[in-house]
Structures are given as C-alpha cells and as structure tokens.
Amino acid sequence: MNHQPTLIILAEPTPAGAGVPGTAGPSAANGQALGLFSVMDSTVRRGLASGLPMVVVAPPDMARQARQLLPGNDVIELPDMPPSRSRADRLARAVAAGVEASANAPGWLLLPADMPMLQVDTLRAVANAVALYTVVFPQYRHRRGHPVGFSAELFSELIRLDSERDLARLTARYPAMGVDVDDPGVLMAQDAQSGLAQLRVQLHSTNLAPR
C-alpha cells in the first residue's frame, strides 16, 4: 500500500467555438488546444517526477493525451456536463471522481493541469503536510498557491462534491494550513479566466489556521 497522498490533476475541456461566428476560428482554437495539451503534459511530468501516486481527471480529448504518459486506469474521462452547469461545477465533480478512484489514499493533492512551472519539491512538501493537517496549501511570499491538499478524513465529503457550492461549503468548514515554499510556480497559472480559476477561488476561500 502506498502511504503517500494521491496527486489529482484536473484538466478542462479544450476550447470550443471553432468555426462559430464571432470566434477566432478553427486554426486559433486548434492552436489553443495544442497549447493546453502541452501545458498538461508538463504538469503530468512534474507529477511523475515527484514519485506521488497520481490520477488525471480530464475530458475525453485531453484524457487521450494523458494516457500517453500514464496507464489507462490512472486517467479518468469525465464527460461534459449539461450547459446549465458551470465550469466550476464540472471541476467539483472532477475532484469527486478523482478521490473516489483513489479511495485508499491517505489524502489528496488537487492540482489544476495548467500549472507547469510548479517545482517537484513543492509537491513533496505539501504531500508531507497532508499527514499532519486536514487542509494544506503552499504559499510563496504569503500568497496562497496550488496544489491544495486534503487529508483522508474528508473522503466522504469529497466524493459527494457535485457543484461549486458544495466545494465552497467544504472549504469554509475546515481551516487550512499554509506551507512556506520558495516556488513562484505555485502561483503561475496559464489562464486567469478559466473554470480552473474559479476552482482556485473556491479552494483558497479556506480559513487560514493560525501558525
């Protein structure tokens, strides 16, 4: 049995809108999709280098890319949700799916797939802290970053996540402990407007525990 927490990498669908009036057109959309694949590839490789057990939760197109690096059982395809649900709702479901797929883990690190500059040592530092605290996150110069770690005691709540509201309730309920790291990569996301950005807001709404 692996006694390290599982790293869950969360990917978003590639951009839609190719050929739709008012958008940048097929070539721009395809170029952005390739860029997202490349970013996810870098993030996954850093996860592999950390030695942590890992699961990637991604829409079908990005899941195919992830399987080039990981065994199929470590990649979970998450179909798109109805248009009435927000991107943050979809990512809350992705968290639940990743946790359920690694139910025996002693904890989980949630990492958006668009953070390729993160240092491997940061992943290990947060993983070590999960053994001591219920919710943890790395901080660089007093600024909160990713990944956010959750201990195994939150398993039953994590697998029930179905919406952005559920995630907000969870993070508001438990104080989070900051782990100081010398790694600006914890803050360097690729797209400040994405659904992953919404997820960051929810995860960083956690109460800060006194140190």
Protein backbone atom coordinates (compact mmCIF):
# COMPACT_ATOMS: atom_id res chain seq x y z
CA MET A 1 0.00 0.00 0.00
CA ASN A 2 1.29 3.43 -0.87
CA HIS A 3 1.34 5.71 2.17
CA GLN A 4 1.67 8.91 0.16
CA PRO A 5 -1.31 11.07 -0.78
CA THR A 6 -2.55 10.87 -4.35
CA LEU A 7 -1.97 13.77 -6.71
CA ILE A 8 -5.16 14.54 -8.68
CA ILE A 9 -4.53 16.60 -11.81
CA LEU A 10 -7.66 18.37 -13.04
CA ALA A 11 -7.96 19.26 -16.72
CA GLU A 12 -10.59 21.29 -18.54
CA PRO A 13 -12.09 20.68 -21.97
CA THR A 14 -10.26 22.14 -24.94
CA PRO A 15 -11.76 25.36 -26.28
CA ALA A 16 -14.96 25.12 -28.27
CA GLY A 17 -16.09 27.55 -30.91
CA ALA A 18 -14.09 26.50 -33.95
CA GLY A 19 -15.88 27.88 -36.96
CA VAL A 20 -18.52 29.68 -34.89
CA PRO A 21 -19.23 33.28 -35.93
CA GLY A 22 -17.63 35.76 -33.62
CA THR A 23 -14.84 33.42 -32.54
CA ALA A 24 -11.23 33.28 -33.60
CA GLY A 25 -11.90 30.38 -35.97
CA PRO A 26 -10.65 26.78 -36.32
CA SER A 27 -6.92 27.45 -36.55
CA ALA A 28 -6.88 29.59 -33.41
CA ALA A 29 -8.99 27.08 -31.49
CA ASN A 30 -6.78 24.19 -32.59
CA GLY A 31 -3.68 26.13 -31.61
CA GLN A 32 -5.09 26.82 -28.17
CA ALA A 33 -6.00 23.15 -27.78
CA LEU A 34 -2.44 22.10 -28.63
CA GLY A 35 -1.17 24.63 -26.11
CA LEU A 36 -3.37 23.14 -23.39
CA PHE A 37 -2.13 19.63 -24.22
CA SER A 38 1.48 20.82 -23.93
CA VAL A 39 0.83 22.52 -20.59
CA MET A 40 -0.91 19.45 -19.19
CA ASP A 41 1.94 17.27 -20.44
CA SER A 42 4.44 19.37 -18.46
CA THR A 43 2.27 19.28 -15.35
CA VAL A 44 1.86 15.50 -15.54
CA ARG A 45 5.61 15.01 -15.99
CA ARG A 46 6.29 17.01 -12.83
CA GLY A 47 3.78 14.85 -11.01
CA LEU A 48 5.57 11.72 -12.20
CA ALA A 49 8.91 13.13 -11.07
CA SER A 50 7.52 13.68 -7.56
CA GLY A 51 7.00 9.96 -7.08
CA LEU A 52 3.48 10.50 -5.78
CA PRO A 53 0.66 8.22 -6.92
CA MET A 54 -1.31 10.17 -9.48
CA VAL A 55 -4.70 10.34 -11.17
CA VAL A 56 -5.61 12.62 -14.07
CA VAL A 57 -9.27 13.61 -14.45
CA ALA A 58 -9.92 15.05 -17.90
CA PRO A 59 -12.45 15.35 -20.70
CA PRO A 60 -12.09 12.70 -23.43
CA ASP A 61 -9.79 14.68 -25.76
CA MET A 62 -7.29 15.50 -23.02
CA ALA A 63 -7.61 12.05 -21.45
CA ARG A 64 -6.24 10.54 -24.66
CA GLN A 65 -3.21 12.80 -24.33
CA ALA A 66 -2.69 11.89 -20.69
CA ARG A 67 -2.72 8.16 -21.46
CA GLN A 68 0.47 8.60 -23.45
CA LEU A 69 2.17 9.20 -20.10
CA LEU A 70 0.06 7.23 -17.64
CA PRO A 71 -1.60 3.81 -17.57
CA GLY A 72 -5.27 3.90 -18.58
CA ASN A 73 -6.50 3.13 -15.07
CA ASP A 74 -4.85 6.32 -13.80
CA VAL A 75 -6.74 8.52 -16.28
CA ILE A 76 -10.43 9.17 -15.71
CA GLU A 77 -12.59 10.51 -18.52
CA LEU A 78 -15.22 12.92 -17.28
CA PRO A 79 -17.94 13.72 -19.86
CA ASP A 80 -19.08 17.28 -20.28
CA MET A 81 -21.90 18.38 -18.01
CA PRO A 82 -25.14 19.98 -19.27
CA PRO A 83 -24.85 23.63 -20.37
CA SER A 84 -26.91 24.64 -17.35
CA ARG A 85 -23.99 23.67 -15.08
CA SER A 86 -20.96 25.93 -14.67
CA ARG A 87 -17.37 25.01 -15.43
CA ALA A 88 -16.66 25.17 -11.70
CA ASP A 89 -19.46 22.63 -11.13
CA ARG A 90 -17.77 20.31 -13.60
CA LEU A 91 -14.46 20.65 -11.77
CA ALA A 92 -16.11 19.91 -8.43
CA ARG A 93 -17.34 16.66 -10.00
CA ALA A 94 -13.84 16.02 -11.29
CA VAL A 95 -12.49 16.29 -7.76
CA ALA A 96 -15.08 13.79 -6.53
CA ALA A 97 -14.24 11.37 -9.36
CA GLY A 98 -10.50 11.56 -8.69
CA VAL A 99 -10.92 10.99 -4.95
CA GLU A 100 -13.30 8.08 -5.48
CA ALA A 101 -10.83 6.47 -7.90
CA SER A 102 -8.11 6.57 -5.23
CA ALA A 103 -10.27 5.75 -2.22
CA ASN A 104 -7.48 4.04 -0.27
CA ALA A 105 -5.15 7.04 -0.38
CA PRO A 106 -4.19 8.74 2.92
CA GLY A 107 -5.02 12.09 1.36
CA TRP A 108 -5.16 14.01 -1.92
CA LEU A 109 -3.44 16.93 -3.60
CA LEU A 110 -5.62 18.84 -6.07
CA LEU A 111 -3.60 20.38 -8.89
CA PRO A 112 -5.02 22.25 -11.90
CA ALA A 113 -3.45 20.95 -15.12
CA ASP A 114 -2.42 24.43 -16.23
CA MET A 115 0.43 24.91 -13.73
CA PRO A 116 3.54 23.54 -15.47
CA MET A 117 6.06 25.71 -13.58
CA LEU A 118 5.41 24.10 -10.21
CA GLN A 119 8.53 22.59 -8.61
CA VAL A 120 8.64 18.90 -7.77
CA ASP A 121 9.85 19.66 -4.23
CA THR A 122 6.69 21.70 -3.64
CA LEU A 123 4.53 18.68 -4.41
CA ARG A 124 6.52 16.63 -1.91
CA ALA A 125 6.31 19.34 0.76
CA VAL A 126 2.54 19.60 0.50
CA ALA A 127 2.24 15.80 0.45
CA ASN A 128 4.19 15.59 3.71
CA ALA A 129 1.98 18.24 5.31
CA VAL A 130 -1.21 16.32 4.45
CA ALA A 131 -0.18 13.74 7.04
CA LEU A 132 -0.32 16.45 9.72
CA TYR A 133 -3.21 18.75 8.76
CA THR A 134 -6.73 18.41 7.38
CA VAL A 135 -6.30 21.02 4.63
CA VAL A 136 -2.98 22.43 3.44
CA PHE A 137 -1.66 24.64 0.67
CA PRO A 138 1.74 26.02 -0.39
CA GLN A 139 2.38 29.72 -0.01
CA TYR A 140 5.01 31.80 -1.75
CA ARG A 141 5.78 35.13 -0.08
CA HIS A 142 2.50 34.88 1.88
CA ARG A 143 0.44 34.25 -1.26
CA ARG A 144 -1.60 31.05 -1.45
CA GLY A 145 -0.95 28.67 -4.30
CA HIS A 146 -1.51 25.13 -5.54
CA PRO A 147 -1.82 22.21 -5.04
CA VAL A 148 -4.30 22.20 -2.17
CA GLY A 149 -4.11 19.08 -0.02
CA PHE A 150 -6.90 17.29 1.84
CA SER A 151 -6.47 14.53 4.41
CA ALA A 152 -8.25 11.17 4.23
CA GLU A 153 -10.72 12.18 6.93
CA LEU A 154 -12.51 14.30 4.31
CA PHE A 155 -13.07 11.37 1.94
CA SER A 156 -16.82 11.08 2.44
CA GLU A 157 -17.30 14.81 1.82
CA LEU A 158 -15.02 14.98 -1.19
CA ILE A 159 -16.74 12.15 -3.06
CA ARG A 160 -20.09 13.90 -2.62
CA LEU A 161 -18.98 17.11 -4.32
CA ASP A 162 -21.36 17.91 -7.14
CA SER A 163 -21.22 21.68 -7.54
CA GLU A 164 -19.25 24.83 -6.92
CA ARG A 165 -21.48 25.47 -3.90
CA ASP A 166 -20.55 22.11 -2.36
CA LEU A 167 -16.88 22.93 -2.72
CA ALA A 168 -17.37 26.36 -1.15
CA ARG A 169 -19.12 24.80 1.85
CA LEU A 170 -16.33 22.27 2.32
CA THR A 171 -13.51 24.78 2.18
CA ALA A 172 -15.32 27.17 4.52
CA ARG A 173 -15.77 24.45 7.13
CA TYR A 174 -12.15 23.47 7.66
CA PRO A 175 -9.19 25.73 8.47
CA ALA A 176 -6.24 25.43 6.08
CA MET A 177 -2.56 25.38 6.99
CA GLY A 178 -0.03 27.20 4.83
CA VAL A 179 3.31 25.60 3.94
CA ASP A 180 6.02 28.11 3.03
CA VAL A 181 7.81 27.27 -0.24
CA ASP A 182 10.38 29.07 -2.36
CA ASP A 183 8.45 28.39 -5.54
CA PRO A 184 6.69 31.11 -7.56
CA GLY A 185 5.33 28.29 -9.75
CA VAL A 186 2.57 27.71 -7.19
CA LEU A 187 1.01 30.95 -8.44
CA MET A 188 1.73 30.69 -12.17
CA ALA A 189 -1.47 29.52 -13.84
CA GLN A 190 -1.91 29.79 -17.60
CA ASP A 191 -5.45 31.14 -17.83
CA ALA A 192 -6.91 33.50 -15.25
CA GLN A 193 -10.38 33.31 -16.85
CA SER A 194 -10.82 29.54 -16.92
CA GLY A 195 -13.04 27.31 -14.86
CA LEU A 196 -9.85 26.23 -13.13
CA ALA A 197 -9.50 29.83 -11.99
CA GLN A 198 -12.97 29.59 -10.44
CA LEU A 199 -11.86 26.41 -8.68
CA ARG A 200 -8.84 28.25 -7.29
CA VAL A 201 -11.08 30.92 -5.80
CA GLN A 202 -13.17 28.28 -4.05
CA LEU A 203 -10.19 26.34 -2.73
CA HIS A 204 -8.49 29.49 -1.50
CA SER A 205 -11.57 30.58 0.41
CA THR A 206 -10.48 28.16 3.13
CA ASN A 207 -9.92 29.63 6.58
CA LEU A 208 -6.27 30.15 7.40
CA ALA A 209 -5.27 28.27 10.51
CA PRO A 210 -3.02 30.09 12.99
CA ARG A 211 0.61 29.07 12.77
